[in-house]
PDB file of N, CA and C in Angstrom:
ATOM      1  N   MET A   1       1.039  -1.229  -0.068  1.00  0.00           N
ATOM      2  CA  MET A   1      -0.475  -0.283   0.033  1.00  0.00           C
ATOM      3  C   MET A   1       0.856   1.651  -0.220  1.00  0.00           C
ATOM      4  N   ALA A   2       0.292   2.318  -0.589  1.00  0.00           N
ATOM      5  CA  ALA A   2       1.345   3.226  -0.638  1.00  0.00           C
ATOM      6  C   ALA A   2       1.145   4.297   0.495  1.00  0.00           C
ATOM      7  N   ASP A   3       3.015   5.133   0.787  1.00  0.00           N
ATOM      8  CA  ASP A   3       2.666   5.482   2.285  1.00  0.00           C
ATOM      9  C   ASP A   3       1.586   6.559   1.935  1.00  0.00           C
ATOM     10  N   ASP A   4       0.927   7.540   1.137  1.00  0.00           N
ATOM     11  CA  ASP A   4      -0.058   8.013   1.295  1.00  0.00           C
ATOM     12  C   ASP A   4      -1.232   7.848   1.666  1.00  0.00           C
ATOM     13  N   ASP A   5      -1.446   6.711   1.857  1.00  0.00           N
ATOM     14  CA  ASP A   5      -2.498   5.637   2.086  1.00  0.00           C
ATOM     15  C   ASP A   5      -2.432   5.225   3.168  1.00  0.00           C
ATOM     16  N   HIS A   6      -1.134   4.926   4.191  1.00  0.00           N
ATOM     17  CA  HIS A   6      -0.798   4.764   5.114  1.00  0.00           C
ATOM     18  C   HIS A   6      -0.895   6.154   6.097  1.00  0.00           C
ATOM     19  N   ALA A   7      -0.378   7.410   5.810  1.00  0.00           N
ATOM     20  CA  ALA A   7      -0.701   8.341   6.798  1.00  0.00           C
ATOM     21  C   ALA A   7      -2.108   9.022   6.715  1.00  0.00           C
ATOM     22  N   ALA A   8      -2.821   8.530   5.861  1.00  0.00           N
ATOM     23  CA  ALA A   8      -4.049   8.900   5.647  1.00  0.00           C
ATOM     24  C   ALA A   8      -4.091   8.526   6.552  1.00  0.00           C
ATOM     25  N   THR A   9      -4.592   6.895   6.902  1.00  0.00           N
ATOM     26  CA  THR A   9      -5.441   5.535   7.655  1.00  0.00           C
ATOM     27  C   THR A   9      -4.768   6.125   9.133  1.00  0.00           C
ATOM     28  N   TRP A  10      -3.239   6.798   9.415  1.00  0.00           N
ATOM     29  CA  TRP A  10      -2.600   7.010  10.244  1.00  0.00           C
ATOM     30  C   TRP A  10      -3.126   8.033  11.227  1.00  0.00           C
ATOM     31  N   LYS A  11      -3.660   9.594  10.246  1.00  0.00           N
ATOM     32  CA  LYS A  11      -4.486  10.472  10.757  1.00  0.00           C
ATOM     33  C   LYS A  11      -5.934   9.826  11.342  1.00  0.00           C
ATOM     34  N   ASP A  12      -6.832   9.190  10.442  1.00  0.00           N
ATOM     35  CA  ASP A  12      -8.086   8.924  10.652  1.00  0.00           C
ATOM     36  C   ASP A  12      -8.226   7.982  11.602  1.00  0.00           C
ATOM     37  N   PHE A  13      -7.410   7.046  11.691  1.00  0.00           N
ATOM     38  CA  PHE A  13      -7.421   6.335  13.036  1.00  0.00           C
ATOM     39  C   PHE A  13      -7.157   6.872  14.228  1.00  0.00           C
ATOM     40  N   ASN A  14      -6.247   7.680  14.158  1.00  0.00           N
ATOM     41  CA  ASN A  14      -5.797   8.492  15.555  1.00  0.00           C
ATOM     42  C   ASN A  14      -6.969   9.604  15.940  1.00  0.00           C
ATOM     43  N   GLU A  15      -8.054   9.764  14.765  1.00  0.00           N
ATOM     44  CA  GLU A  15      -8.848  11.208  15.498  1.00  0.00           C
ATOM     45  C   GLU A  15     -10.263   9.598  15.918  1.00  0.00           C
ATOM     46  N   ALA A  16     -10.528   8.988  15.121  1.00  0.00           N
ATOM     47  CA  ALA A  16     -11.266   7.833  15.699  1.00  0.00           C
ATOM     48  C   ALA A  16     -11.311   7.565  17.068  1.00  0.00           C
ATOM     49  N   VAL A  17      -9.954   7.571  17.296  1.00  0.00           N
ATOM     50  CA  VAL A  17     -10.040   6.749  18.589  1.00  0.00           C
ATOM     51  C   VAL A  17      -9.333   7.587  19.602  1.00  0.00           C
ATOM     52  N   ASN A  18     -10.266   8.027  20.131  1.00  0.00           N
ATOM     53  CA  ASN A  18     -10.250   9.496  21.434  1.00  0.00           C
ATOM     54  C   ASN A  18      -9.750   8.938  22.722  1.00  0.00           C
ATOM     55  N   MET A  19      -9.611   7.722  22.847  1.00  0.00           N
ATOM     56  CA  MET A  19      -9.556   7.485  23.799  1.00  0.00           C
ATOM     57  C   MET A  19      -8.217   7.211  24.342  1.00  0.00           C
ATOM     58  N   THR A  20      -7.616   6.974  25.567  1.00  0.00           N
ATOM     59  CA  THR A  20      -6.001   6.498  25.524  1.00  0.00           C
ATOM     60  C   THR A  20      -6.035   4.734  25.686  1.00  0.00           C
ATOM     61  N   PRO A  21      -4.862   4.755  25.900  1.00  0.00           N
ATOM     62  CA  PRO A  21      -4.642   3.180  26.150  1.00  0.00           C
ATOM     63  C   PRO A  21      -4.818   2.626  27.454  1.00  0.00           C
ATOM     64  N   ALA A  22      -4.798   3.419  28.355  1.00  0.00           N
ATOM     65  CA  ALA A  22      -4.784   3.089  29.666  1.00  0.00           C
ATOM     66  C   ALA A  22      -6.494   3.250  29.554  1.00  0.00           C
ATOM     67  N   ALA A  23      -6.959   4.010  29.143  1.00  0.00           N
ATOM     68  CA  ALA A  23      -8.620   4.332  29.640  1.00  0.00           C
ATOM     69  C   ALA A  23      -9.121   2.977  28.480  1.00  0.00           C
ATOM     70  N   LEU A  24      -8.790   2.760  27.505  1.00  0.00           N
ATOM     71  CA  LEU A  24      -9.243   1.644  26.637  1.00  0.00           C
ATOM     72  C   LEU A  24      -9.321   0.520  27.890  1.00  0.00           C
ATOM     73  N   LYS A  25      -7.916   0.074  27.779  1.00  0.00           N
ATOM     74  CA  LYS A  25      -7.359  -0.980  29.152  1.00  0.00           C
ATOM     75  C   LYS A  25      -8.510  -1.308  29.931  1.00  0.00           C
ATOM     76  N   LYS A  26      -8.892   0.100  30.154  1.00  0.00           N
ATOM     77  CA  LYS A  26      -9.993  -0.150  31.680  1.00  0.00           C
ATOM     78  C   LYS A  26     -11.585  -0.407  31.359  1.00  0.00           C
ATOM     79  N   HIS A  27     -11.489  -0.253  30.070  1.00  0.00           N
ATOM     80  CA  HIS A  27     -12.947  -0.070  29.783  1.00  0.00           C
ATOM     81  C   HIS A  27     -13.133  -1.610  29.722  1.00  0.00           C
ATOM     82  N   LEU A  28     -11.786  -2.064  28.327  1.00  0.00           N
ATOM     83  CA  LEU A  28     -12.009  -3.749  27.961  1.00  0.00           C
ATOM     84  C   LEU A  28     -12.103  -4.429  29.219  1.00  0.00           C
ATOM     85  N   ASP A  29     -11.734  -4.026  30.306  1.00  0.00           N
ATOM     86  CA  ASP A  29     -11.386  -5.000  31.248  1.00  0.00           C
ATOM     87  C   ASP A  29     -13.057  -5.069  32.300  1.00  0.00           C
ATOM     88  N   SER A  30     -13.974  -4.021  32.037  1.00  0.00           N
ATOM     89  CA  SER A  30     -15.508  -3.660  32.655  1.00  0.00           C
ATOM     90  C   SER A  30     -15.923  -5.071  32.159  1.00  0.00           C
ATOM     91  N   ASP A  31     -17.123  -4.922  33.336  1.00  0.00           N
ATOM     92  CA  ASP A  31     -18.077  -6.029  33.155  1.00  0.00           C
ATOM     93  C   ASP A  31     -18.693  -5.259  31.776  1.00  0.00           C
ATOM     94  N   ALA A  32     -18.929  -4.139  31.498  1.00  0.00           N
ATOM     95  CA  ALA A  32     -20.243  -3.620  30.530  1.00  0.00           C
ATOM     96  C   ALA A  32     -19.522  -4.036  29.580  1.00  0.00           C
ATOM     97  N   SER A  33     -17.927  -3.403  29.246  1.00  0.00           N
ATOM     98  CA  SER A  33     -17.380  -3.867  27.786  1.00  0.00           C
ATOM     99  C   SER A  33     -18.077  -5.168  27.943  1.00  0.00           C
ATOM    100  N   GLN A  34     -17.368  -6.228  28.425  1.00  0.00           N
ATOM    101  CA  GLN A  34     -17.759  -7.444  27.953  1.00  0.00           C
ATOM    102  C   GLN A  34     -19.071  -8.328  27.351  1.00  0.00           C
ATOM    103  N   GLU A  35     -20.468  -7.069  27.871  1.00  0.00           N
ATOM    104  CA  GLU A  35     -21.540  -7.434  28.011  1.00  0.00           C
ATOM    105  C   GLU A  35     -21.960  -7.206  26.632  1.00  0.00           C
ATOM    106  N   VAL A  36     -21.909  -6.275  25.840  1.00  0.00           N
ATOM    107  CA  VAL A  36     -22.212  -5.803  24.513  1.00  0.00           C
ATOM    108  C   VAL A  36     -21.122  -6.134  23.156  1.00  0.00           C
ATOM    109  N   GLY A  37     -22.268  -6.029  22.309  1.00  0.00           N
ATOM    110  CA  GLY A  37     -21.612  -6.871  20.921  1.00  0.00           C
ATOM    111  C   GLY A  37     -22.191  -7.695  20.438  1.00  0.00           C
ATOM    112  N   GLN A  38     -21.483  -8.100  19.222  1.00  0.00           N
ATOM    113  CA  GLN A  38     -21.854  -9.106  18.114  1.00  0.00           C
ATOM    114  C   GLN A  38     -20.854 -10.421  18.746  1.00  0.00           C
ATOM    115  N   LYS A  39     -21.635 -11.336  18.769  1.00  0.00           N
ATOM    116  CA  LYS A  39     -20.690 -12.077  19.924  1.00  0.00           C
ATOM    117  C   LYS A  39     -20.577 -13.854  18.991  1.00  0.00           C
ATOM    118  N   LYS A  40     -19.322 -14.480  18.599  1.00  0.00           N
ATOM    119  CA  LYS A  40     -19.756 -15.503  17.292  1.00  0.00           C
ATOM    120  C   LYS A  40     -19.773 -16.737  18.828  1.00  0.00           C
ATOM    121  N   ASP A  41     -20.676 -17.506  19.226  1.00  0.00           N
ATOM    122  CA  ASP A  41     -20.681 -18.456  19.588  1.00  0.00           C
ATOM    123  C   ASP A  41     -20.459 -18.292  21.572  1.00  0.00           C
ATOM    124  N   GLY A  42     -21.097 -17.526  21.883  1.00  0.00           N
ATOM    125  CA  GLY A  42     -20.609 -17.031  22.997  1.00  0.00           C
ATOM    126  C   GLY A  42     -19.505 -16.621  23.538  1.00  0.00           C
ATOM    127  N   ASP A  43     -18.266 -16.365  22.340  1.00  0.00           N
ATOM    128  CA  ASP A  43     -17.327 -15.938  22.452  1.00  0.00           C
ATOM    129  C   ASP A  43     -16.977 -14.685  22.706  1.00  0.00           C
ATOM    130  N   GLU A  44     -15.432 -14.025  22.836  1.00  0.00           N
ATOM    131  CA  GLU A  44     -15.872 -12.348  23.090  1.00  0.00           C
ATOM    132  C   GLU A  44     -15.986 -12.033  21.619  1.00  0.00           C
ATOM    133  N   SER A  45     -16.471 -10.582  21.921  1.00  0.00           N
ATOM    134  CA  SER A  45     -17.813  -9.611  20.862  1.00  0.00           C
ATOM    135  C   SER A  45     -16.364  -9.251  20.111  1.00  0.00           C
ATOM    136  N   THR A  46     -16.814  -8.835  19.274  1.00  0.00           N
ATOM    137  CA  THR A  46     -15.971  -8.974  17.504  1.00  0.00           C
ATOM    138  C   THR A  46     -15.460  -7.152  17.678  1.00  0.00           C
ATOM    139  N   GLY A  47     -16.140  -6.636  18.875  1.00  0.00           N
ATOM    140  CA  GLY A  47     -15.560  -5.080  19.142  1.00  0.00           C
ATOM    141  C   GLY A  47     -14.702  -4.932  20.327  1.00  0.00           C
ATOM    142  N   HIS A  48     -14.490  -6.056  21.532  1.00  0.00           N
ATOM    143  CA  HIS A  48     -13.550  -6.219  22.488  1.00  0.00           C
ATOM    144  C   HIS A  48     -12.540  -6.639  21.988  1.00  0.00           C
ATOM    145  N   GLU A  49     -12.627  -7.658  21.094  1.00  0.00           N
ATOM    146  CA  GLU A  49     -11.432  -8.536  20.087  1.00  0.00           C
ATOM    147  C   GLU A  49     -10.735  -7.207  19.631  1.00  0.00           C
ATOM    148  N   MET A  50     -11.319  -6.425  18.768  1.00  0.00           N
ATOM    149  CA  MET A  50     -10.899  -5.145  18.240  1.00  0.00           C
ATOM    150  C   MET A  50     -10.079  -4.344  19.006  1.00  0.00           C
ATOM    151  N   GLY A  51     -10.753  -3.690  20.445  1.00  0.00           N
ATOM    152  CA  GLY A  51     -10.417  -3.072  21.196  1.00  0.00           C
ATOM    153  C   GLY A  51      -9.217  -3.334  21.690  1.00  0.00           C
ATOM    154  N   ARG A  52      -8.837  -4.956  21.857  1.00  0.00           N
ATOM    155  CA  ARG A  52      -7.871  -5.595  21.989  1.00  0.00           C
ATOM    156  C   ARG A  52      -6.691  -5.603  20.971  1.00  0.00           C
ATOM    157  N   ARG A  53      -6.981  -5.294  19.817  1.00  0.00           N
ATOM    158  CA  ARG A  53      -6.157  -4.804  18.577  1.00  0.00           C
ATOM    159  C   ARG A  53      -5.926  -3.743  18.476  1.00  0.00           C
ATOM    160  N   ILE A  54      -7.063  -2.711  18.802  1.00  0.00           N
ATOM    161  CA  ILE A  54      -6.219  -1.390  18.575  1.00  0.00           C
ATOM    162  C   ILE A  54      -5.073  -0.889  19.886  1.00  0.00           C
ATOM    163  N   LEU A  55      -4.787  -1.778  21.104  1.00  0.00           N
ATOM    164  CA  LEU A  55      -3.953  -1.515  22.184  1.00  0.00           C
ATOM    165  C   LEU A  55      -2.774  -2.197  21.606  1.00  0.00           C
ATOM    166  N   ALA A  56      -3.267  -2.939  20.918  1.00  0.00           N
ATOM    167  CA  ALA A  56      -1.690  -3.772  20.307  1.00  0.00           C
ATOM    168  C   ALA A  56      -1.359  -3.086  19.250  1.00  0.00           C
ATOM    169  N   ILE A  57      -2.018  -2.452  18.087  1.00  0.00           N
ATOM    170  CA  ILE A  57      -1.384  -1.072  17.286  1.00  0.00           C
ATOM    171  C   ILE A  57      -0.921  -0.236  18.191  1.00  0.00           C
ATOM    172  N   LYS A  58      -1.533   0.678  19.193  1.00  0.00           N
ATOM    173  CA  LYS A  58      -1.002   1.669  19.672  1.00  0.00           C
ATOM    174  C   LYS A  58       0.354   1.042  20.247  1.00  0.00           C
ATOM    175  N   ASP A  59       0.454   0.022  20.679  1.00  0.00           N
ATOM    176  CA  ASP A  59       1.773  -0.165  21.227  1.00  0.00           C
ATOM    177  C   ASP A  59       2.728  -0.670  20.246  1.00  0.00           C
ATOM    178  N   LYS A  60       2.678  -0.082  18.897  1.00  0.00           N
ATOM    179  CA  LYS A  60       3.452  -0.306  18.316  1.00  0.00           C
ATOM    180  C   LYS A  60       4.334   0.455  17.342  1.00  0.00           C
ATOM    181  N   LYS A  61       5.775   0.831  17.324  1.00  0.00           N
ATOM    182  CA  LYS A  61       6.055   1.636  16.582  1.00  0.00           C
ATOM    183  C   LYS A  61       5.375   2.304  15.156  1.00  0.00           C
ATOM    184  N   LYS A  62       5.139   3.607  15.067  1.00  0.00           N
ATOM    185  CA  LYS A  62       4.638   3.356  13.246  1.00  0.00           C
ATOM    186  C   LYS A  62       5.119   2.801  12.340  1.00  0.00           C
ATOM    187  N   ALA A  63       6.344   2.885  12.539  1.00  0.00           N
ATOM    188  CA  ALA A  63       7.212   2.440  11.531  1.00  0.00           C
ATOM    189  C   ALA A  63       6.982   0.612  11.327  1.00  0.00           C
ATOM    190  N   ASP A  64       7.127  -0.211  12.269  1.00  0.00           N
ATOM    191  CA  ASP A  64       6.721  -1.484  12.572  1.00  0.00           C
ATOM    192  C   ASP A  64       4.919  -2.043  12.280  1.00  0.00           C
ATOM    193  N   LEU A  65       4.313  -1.021  12.002  1.00  0.00           N
ATOM    194  CA  LEU A  65       2.877  -1.437  11.402  1.00  0.00           C
ATOM    195  C   LEU A  65       2.961  -2.310  10.388  1.00  0.00           C
ATOM    196  N   THR A  66       1.753  -3.307   9.914  1.00  0.00           N
ATOM    197  CA  THR A  66       1.961  -4.154   8.911  1.00  0.00           C
ATOM    198  C   THR A  66       0.641  -3.765   7.880  1.00  0.00           C
ATOM    199  N   ASP A  67       0.738  -4.177   7.257  1.00  0.00           N
ATOM    200  CA  ASP A  67      -0.095  -3.574   6.083  1.00  0.00           C
ATOM    201  C   ASP A  67      -1.384  -4.383   6.658  1.00  0.00           C
ATOM    202  N   ASP A  68      -1.407  -5.101   7.271  1.00  0.00           N
ATOM    203  CA  ASP A  68      -2.968  -5.986   8.217  1.00  0.00           C
ATOM    204  C   ASP A  68      -3.007  -5.403   9.276  1.00  0.00           C
ATOM    205  N   ASP A  69      -2.461  -4.487   9.774  1.00  0.00           N
ATOM    206  CA  ASP A  69      -2.462  -3.301  10.973  1.00  0.00           C
ATOM    207  C   ASP A  69      -3.553  -2.170  10.416  1.00  0.00           C
ATOM    208  N   TYR A  70      -2.615  -1.869   9.306  1.00  0.00           N
ATOM    209  CA  TYR A  70      -3.579  -0.654   8.534  1.00  0.00           C
ATOM    210  C   TYR A  70      -4.758  -1.186   8.031  1.00  0.00           C
ATOM    211  N   ALA A  71      -5.415  -2.263   7.773  1.00  0.00           N
ATOM    212  CA  ALA A  71      -6.589  -2.765   7.533  1.00  0.00           C
ATOM    213  C   ALA A  71      -7.211  -2.674   8.715  1.00  0.00           C
ATOM    214  N   ALA A  72      -6.954  -3.365   9.743  1.00  0.00           N
ATOM    215  CA  ALA A  72      -7.471  -3.164  10.951  1.00  0.00           C
ATOM    216  C   ALA A  72      -7.631  -1.687  11.196  1.00  0.00           C
ATOM    217  N   MET A  73      -6.723  -0.699  11.318  1.00  0.00           N
ATOM    218  CA  MET A  73      -7.098   0.539  11.586  1.00  0.00           C
ATOM    219  C   MET A  73      -8.434   1.118  10.718  1.00  0.00           C
ATOM    220  N   ARG A  74      -8.190   0.852   8.978  1.00  0.00           N
ATOM    221  CA  ARG A  74      -9.356   1.424   8.247  1.00  0.00           C
ATOM    222  C   ARG A  74     -10.977   0.536   8.659  1.00  0.00           C
ATOM    223  N   LYS A  75     -10.674  -0.481   9.072  1.00  0.00           N
ATOM    224  CA  LYS A  75     -11.835  -1.267   9.955  1.00  0.00           C
ATOM    225  C   LYS A  75     -12.715   0.030  11.146  1.00  0.00           C
ATOM    226  N   VAL A  76     -11.764  -0.077  12.032  1.00  0.00           N
ATOM    227  CA  VAL A  76     -11.800   0.553  13.011  1.00  0.00           C
ATOM    228  C   VAL A  76     -12.431   2.212  13.041  1.00  0.00           C
ATOM    229  N   VAL A  77     -12.207   3.037  11.807  1.00  0.00           N
ATOM    230  CA  VAL A  77     -12.277   4.028  11.347  1.00  0.00           C
ATOM    231  C   VAL A  77     -13.776   4.315  10.683  1.00  0.00           C
ATOM    232  N   GLY A  78     -13.949   2.751   9.966  1.00  0.00           N
ATOM    233  CA  GLY A  78     -15.159   2.626   9.594  1.00  0.00           C
ATOM    234  C   GLY A  78     -16.424   2.569  10.612  1.00  0.00           C
ATOM    235  N   TYR A  79     -16.056   1.497  11.225  1.00  0.00           N
ATOM    236  CA  TYR A  79     -17.130   1.528  12.353  1.00  0.00           C
ATOM    237  C   TYR A  79     -17.407   2.737  13.275  1.00  0.00           C
ATOM    238  N   VAL A  80     -16.869   3.720  13.803  1.00  0.00           N
ATOM    239  CA  VAL A  80     -16.881   3.972  14.180  1.00  0.00           C
ATOM    240  C   VAL A  80     -17.426   5.450  13.795  1.00  0.00           C
ATOM    241  N   HIS A  81     -16.998   5.468  12.279  1.00  0.00           N
ATOM    242  CA  HIS A  81     -18.142   6.738  11.805  1.00  0.00           C
ATOM    243  C   HIS A  81     -19.709   6.273  11.595  1.00  0.00           C
ATOM    244  N   ARG A  82     -19.684   5.008  10.704  1.00  0.00           N
ATOM    245  CA  ARG A  82     -20.913   4.297  10.852  1.00  0.00           C
ATOM    246  C   ARG A  82     -21.923   4.248  12.264  1.00  0.00           C
ATOM    247  N   HIS A  83     -20.961   3.907  13.208  1.00  0.00           N
ATOM    248  CA  HIS A  83     -21.844   3.847  14.778  1.00  0.00           C
ATOM    249  C   HIS A  83     -22.405   4.970  15.289  1.00  0.00           C
ATOM    250  N   LEU A  84     -21.605   6.344  15.042  1.00  0.00           N
ATOM    251  CA  LEU A  84     -21.695   7.815  15.328  1.00  0.00           C
ATOM    252  C   LEU A  84     -22.528   8.074  15.015  1.00  0.00           C
ATOM    253  N   LYS A  85     -23.221   7.361  13.309  1.00  0.00           N
ATOM    254  CA  LYS A  85     -24.938   8.124  12.972  1.00  0.00           C
ATOM    255  C   LYS A  85     -26.153   7.432  13.665  1.00  0.00           C
ATOM    256  N   GLN A  86     -25.903   6.685  14.489  1.00  0.00           N
ATOM    257  CA  GLN A  86     -27.181   5.790  15.258  1.00  0.00           C
ATOM    258  C   GLN A  86     -26.912   6.289  16.324  1.00  0.00           C
ATOM    259  N   GLY A  87     -27.645   5.585  17.365  1.00  0.00           N
ATOM    260  CA  GLY A  87     -27.378   6.258  18.793  1.00  0.00           C
ATOM    261  C   GLY A  87     -28.895   6.372  19.440  1.00  0.00           C
ATOM    262  N   GLY A  88     -29.490   7.454  18.553  1.00  0.00           N
ATOM    263  CA  GLY A  88     -30.758   8.126  19.030  1.00  0.00           C
ATOM    264  C   GLY A  88     -30.808   8.149  20.860  1.00  0.00           C
ATOM    265  N   ALA A  89     -31.978   7.937  21.683  1.00  0.00           N
ATOM    266  CA  ALA A  89     -31.988   8.201  22.586  1.00  0.00           C
ATOM    267  C   ALA A  89     -30.529   7.545  23.639  1.00  0.00           C
ATOM    268  N   ALA A  90     -30.393   6.924  23.078  1.00  0.00           N
ATOM    269  CA  ALA A  90     -28.800   5.950  23.979  1.00  0.00           C
ATOM    270  C   ALA A  90     -28.011   7.300  24.267  1.00  0.00           C
ATOM    271  N   ARG A  91     -27.717   8.259  23.072  1.00  0.00           N
ATOM    272  CA  ARG A  91     -26.688   9.305  23.451  1.00  0.00           C
ATOM    273  C   ARG A  91     -26.770   9.995  24.425  1.00  0.00           C
ATOM    274  N   LYS A  92     -27.466  10.138  25.261  1.00  0.00           N
ATOM    275  CA  LYS A  92     -28.170  10.476  26.676  1.00  0.00           C
ATOM    276  C   LYS A  92     -27.616   9.674  27.838  1.00  0.00           C
ATOM    277  N   ASP A  93     -27.759   8.649  27.393  1.00  0.00           N
ATOM    278  CA  ASP A  93     -27.675   7.324  28.609  1.00  0.00           C
ATOM    279  C   ASP A  93     -25.867   7.001  28.309  1.00  0.00           C
ATOM    280  N   PRO A  94     -25.026   7.386  29.530  1.00  0.00           N
ATOM    281  CA  PRO A  94     -23.495   7.386  29.459  1.00  0.00           C
ATOM    282  C   PRO A  94     -23.142   5.883  29.819  1.00  0.00           C
ATOM    283  N   ASP A  95     -24.478   4.815  30.068  1.00  0.00           N
ATOM    284  CA  ASP A  95     -24.070   3.789  30.186  1.00  0.00           C
ATOM    285  C   ASP A  95     -25.085   2.742  29.368  1.00  0.00           C
ATOM    286  N   SER A  96     -25.246   3.428  28.128  1.00  0.00           N
ATOM    287  CA  SER A  96     -26.206   2.906  26.972  1.00  0.00           C
ATOM    288  C   SER A  96     -25.071   1.678  26.407  1.00  0.00           C
ATOM    289  N   ALA A  97     -25.851   0.356  25.691  1.00  0.00           N
ATOM    290  CA  ALA A  97     -24.734  -0.798  25.242  1.00  0.00           C
ATOM    291  C   ALA A  97     -24.207   0.322  24.097  1.00  0.00           C
ATOM    292  N   TRP A  98     -24.565   1.350  23.402  1.00  0.00           N
ATOM    293  CA  TRP A  98     -24.349   1.904  22.132  1.00  0.00           C
ATOM    294  C   TRP A  98     -22.567   2.923  22.467  1.00  0.00           C
ATOM    295  N   ARG A  99     -22.591   3.517  23.815  1.00  0.00           N
ATOM    296  CA  ARG A  99     -21.417   3.961  23.937  1.00  0.00           C
ATOM    297  C   ARG A  99     -20.445   2.645  24.875  1.00  0.00           C
ATOM    298  N   MET A 100     -21.573   1.423  25.226  1.00  0.00           N
ATOM    299  CA  MET A 100     -19.880   1.026  25.682  1.00  0.00           C
ATOM    300  C   MET A 100     -19.357   0.108  24.385  1.00  0.00           C
ATOM    301  N   SER A 101     -20.347   0.038  22.955  1.00  0.00           N
ATOM    302  CA  SER A 101     -20.010  -0.709  22.173  1.00  0.00           C
ATOM    303  C   SER A 101     -18.769   0.107  21.399  1.00  0.00           C
ATOM    304  N   LEU A 102     -18.975   1.468  21.663  1.00  0.00           N
ATOM    305  CA  LEU A 102     -18.095   2.649  20.309  1.00  0.00           C
ATOM    306  C   LEU A 102     -16.694   2.464  21.418  1.00  0.00           C
ATOM    307  N   MET A 103     -17.018   2.652  22.701  1.00  0.00           N
ATOM    308  CA  MET A 103     -15.617   2.700  23.287  1.00  0.00           C
ATOM    309  C   MET A 103     -15.255   0.817  23.231  1.00  0.00           C
ATOM    310  N   ASN A 104     -15.791  -0.523  23.292  1.00  0.00           N
ATOM    311  CA  ASN A 104     -14.955  -1.195  22.780  1.00  0.00           C
ATOM    312  C   ASN A 104     -14.053  -0.722  21.664  1.00  0.00           C
ATOM    313  N   TRP A 105     -14.251  -0.194  20.528  1.00  0.00           N
ATOM    314  CA  TRP A 105     -13.797   0.201  19.739  1.00  0.00           C
ATOM    315  C   TRP A 105     -12.729   1.466  19.488  1.00  0.00           C
ATOM    316  N   GLY A 106     -12.382   1.847  20.680  1.00  0.00           N
ATOM    317  CA  GLY A 106     -11.695   2.805  20.853  1.00  0.00           C
ATOM    318  C   GLY A 106     -11.878   4.469  20.823  1.00  0.00           C
ATOM    319  N   HIS A 107     -13.363   4.716  20.658  1.00  0.00           N
ATOM    320  CA  HIS A 107     -14.276   5.801  20.992  1.00  0.00           C
ATOM    321  C   HIS A 107     -15.125   6.159  21.898  1.00  0.00           C
ATOM    322  N   ASP A 108     -14.939   7.371  22.212  1.00  0.00           N
ATOM    323  CA  ASP A 108     -15.916   7.432  23.625  1.00  0.00           C
ATOM    324  C   ASP A 108     -16.058   8.870  23.222  1.00  0.00           C
ATOM    325  N   PRO A 109     -18.201   8.331  23.046  1.00  0.00           N
ATOM    326  CA  PRO A 109     -18.614   9.610  22.170  1.00  0.00           C
ATOM    327  C   PRO A 109     -18.954  11.064  23.047  1.00  0.00           C
ATOM    328  N   GLN A 110     -18.703  10.351  24.691  1.00  0.00           N
ATOM    329  CA  GLN A 110     -18.704  12.084  25.324  1.00  0.00           C
ATOM    330  C   GLN A 110     -17.615  12.801  25.418  1.00  0.00           C
ATOM    331  N   LYS A 111     -16.377  12.268  24.976  1.00  0.00           N
ATOM    332  CA  LYS A 111     -15.392  12.763  24.261  1.00  0.00           C
ATOM    333  C   LYS A 111     -15.630  14.336  23.374  1.00  0.00           C
ATOM    334  N   ASP A 112     -16.417  13.950  22.457  1.00  0.00           N
ATOM    335  CA  ASP A 112     -17.248  14.696  21.352  1.00  0.00           C
ATOM    336  C   ASP A 112     -17.314  15.917  21.759  1.00  0.00           C
TER     337      ASP A 112
END
């Protein structure tokens, strides 16, 4: 992938992920985090798994990111942008599944 694409992805990812690694880790360790999202056969939810992936990406040096990392970063950006268009009345509830799910993906809508 071209360096320009990687630069744009990096920028978009860091705008979409507005939680610090420490805040994201604390959220992922909570019961509320683990109770939301789509699960495959009772396993970990897709969003919770991606939250752990975000932490791994954030822990890497930019020069060490792989094309697979950039693909995951684009997936995060897409999810956050789509999910922010939803929410309805849940936007007013700090404990809503909508917010908890977004936070699994590294974005706290209450920080917007």
